[in-house]
Protein backbone atom coordinates (compact mmCIF):
# COMPACT_ATOMS: atom_id res chain seq x y z
CA UNK A 1 -12.25 21.58 37.64
CA UNK A 2 -10.28 20.84 34.47
CA UNK A 3 -7.36 18.48 35.07
CA UNK A 4 -5.61 15.59 33.35
CA UNK A 5 -5.93 11.91 34.05
CA UNK A 6 -2.41 10.52 34.14
CA UNK A 7 -2.35 6.75 33.77
CA UNK A 8 0.90 4.83 34.16
CA UNK A 9 1.07 1.17 33.14
CA UNK A 10 3.27 -1.34 34.97
CA UNK A 11 3.51 -5.09 35.40
CA UNK A 12 1.99 -6.22 38.69
CA UNK A 13 5.19 -7.88 39.91
CA UNK A 14 7.69 -5.31 38.62
CA UNK A 15 9.87 -3.71 41.26
CA UNK A 16 11.88 -0.52 41.61
CA UNK A 17 14.47 -0.36 44.40
CA UNK A 18 12.93 -3.42 46.07
CA UNK A 19 9.40 -1.97 46.13
CA UNK A 20 6.54 -2.93 43.83
CA UNK A 21 6.59 -0.34 41.04
CA UNK A 22 2.94 0.62 41.51
CA UNK A 23 3.61 1.21 45.23
CA UNK A 24 6.69 3.29 44.35
CA UNK A 25 4.54 5.40 42.00
CA UNK A 26 1.88 5.98 44.65
CA UNK A 27 4.50 6.85 47.29
CA UNK A 28 6.34 9.20 44.93
CA UNK A 29 3.13 10.97 43.91
CA UNK A 30 2.14 11.41 47.56
CA UNK A 31 5.58 12.82 48.39
CA UNK A 32 5.18 15.33 45.54
CA UNK A 33 1.87 16.49 46.99
CA UNK A 34 -0.60 14.70 44.73
CA UNK A 35 -3.95 14.57 46.53
CA UNK A 36 -4.74 10.96 45.62
CA UNK A 37 -4.03 8.08 43.31
CA UNK A 38 -5.17 4.54 42.69
CA UNK A 39 -3.71 1.32 41.33
CA UNK A 40 -6.05 -0.97 39.38
CA UNK A 41 -5.31 -4.58 38.52
CA UNK A 42 -6.49 -6.07 35.24
CA UNK A 43 -8.11 -9.37 34.36
CA UNK A 44 -6.63 -9.56 30.88
CA UNK A 45 -4.89 -7.42 28.32
CA UNK A 46 -2.56 -7.33 25.37
CA UNK A 47 0.18 -5.06 24.16
CA UNK A 48 3.63 -5.09 22.64
CA UNK A 49 4.62 -8.10 24.76
CA UNK A 50 1.60 -10.20 23.78
CA UNK A 51 -1.59 -11.20 25.54
CA UNK A 52 -1.90 -11.65 29.30
CA UNK A 53 -4.84 -13.34 31.00
CA UNK A 54 -5.49 -13.92 34.69
CA UNK A 55 -6.73 -17.42 33.83
CA UNK A 56 -3.22 -18.60 33.01
CA UNK A 57 -1.40 -19.52 36.22
CA UNK A 58 2.01 -19.38 34.53
CA UNK A 59 1.49 -15.65 33.83
CA UNK A 60 1.01 -14.75 37.49
CA UNK A 61 2.70 -11.43 38.18
CA UNK A 62 2.74 -10.35 34.54
CA UNK A 63 -0.68 -8.73 34.29
CA UNK A 64 -0.81 -4.96 33.82
CA UNK A 65 -1.59 -2.57 36.64
CA UNK A 66 -2.86 0.91 35.82
CA UNK A 67 -1.80 3.59 38.31
CA UNK A 68 -4.05 6.62 37.90
CA UNK A 69 -3.90 10.22 39.08
CA UNK A 70 -6.19 13.20 38.42
CA UNK A 71 -3.90 16.20 38.60
CA UNK A 72 -3.19 19.59 37.08
CA UNK A 73 -0.86 19.67 34.05
CA UNK A 74 2.09 21.00 36.04
CA UNK A 75 1.82 18.18 38.60
CA UNK A 76 1.60 15.58 35.82
CA UNK A 77 4.83 17.05 34.43
CA UNK A 78 6.49 16.83 37.86
CA UNK A 79 5.43 13.22 38.32
CA UNK A 80 6.60 12.19 34.84
CA UNK A 81 9.90 13.94 35.50
CA UNK A 82 10.33 12.05 38.80
CA UNK A 83 9.64 8.76 36.99
CA UNK A 84 12.24 9.56 34.34
CA UNK A 85 14.78 10.73 36.93
CA UNK A 86 14.35 7.40 38.74
CA UNK A 87 15.41 5.61 35.56
CA UNK A 88 12.03 4.04 34.86
CA UNK A 89 10.80 3.70 31.29
CA UNK A 90 7.04 3.29 31.66
CA UNK A 91 4.14 3.63 29.25
CA UNK A 92 1.68 6.34 30.22
CA UNK A 93 -1.45 8.06 28.95
CA UNK A 94 -2.35 11.68 29.65
CA UNK A 95 -6.00 12.47 29.05
CA UNK A 96 -8.07 15.62 29.57
CA UNK A 97 -10.50 15.19 32.45
CA UNK A 98 -12.92 17.06 34.63
CA UNK A 99 -13.45 16.30 38.30
CA UNK A 100 -16.16 17.50 40.62
CA UNK A 101 -18.65 16.53 43.25
CA UNK A 102 -22.26 15.76 42.44
CA UNK A 103 -24.91 17.81 44.20
């Protein structure tokens, strides 16, 4: 089945309406009818705000979390719209993907 992989990037300690942002994303996707999603923590990374590494205690809570969904294009649009409507400005990637079950 041809779908898209929608990845949304957040800081592990960021919050939206008192809830961890990655939890808010998962809850919102589930409420929209997305069949599944996952949040993945990182060990290290860098981006526009510099380098982050799990080895530095003072950076606790600042490492990126990738929240990932495999959905049809229309559902990705709905989820991105919900994120925007909530006032969140998050970096995302939308990649073509294929999902299936091995035989």
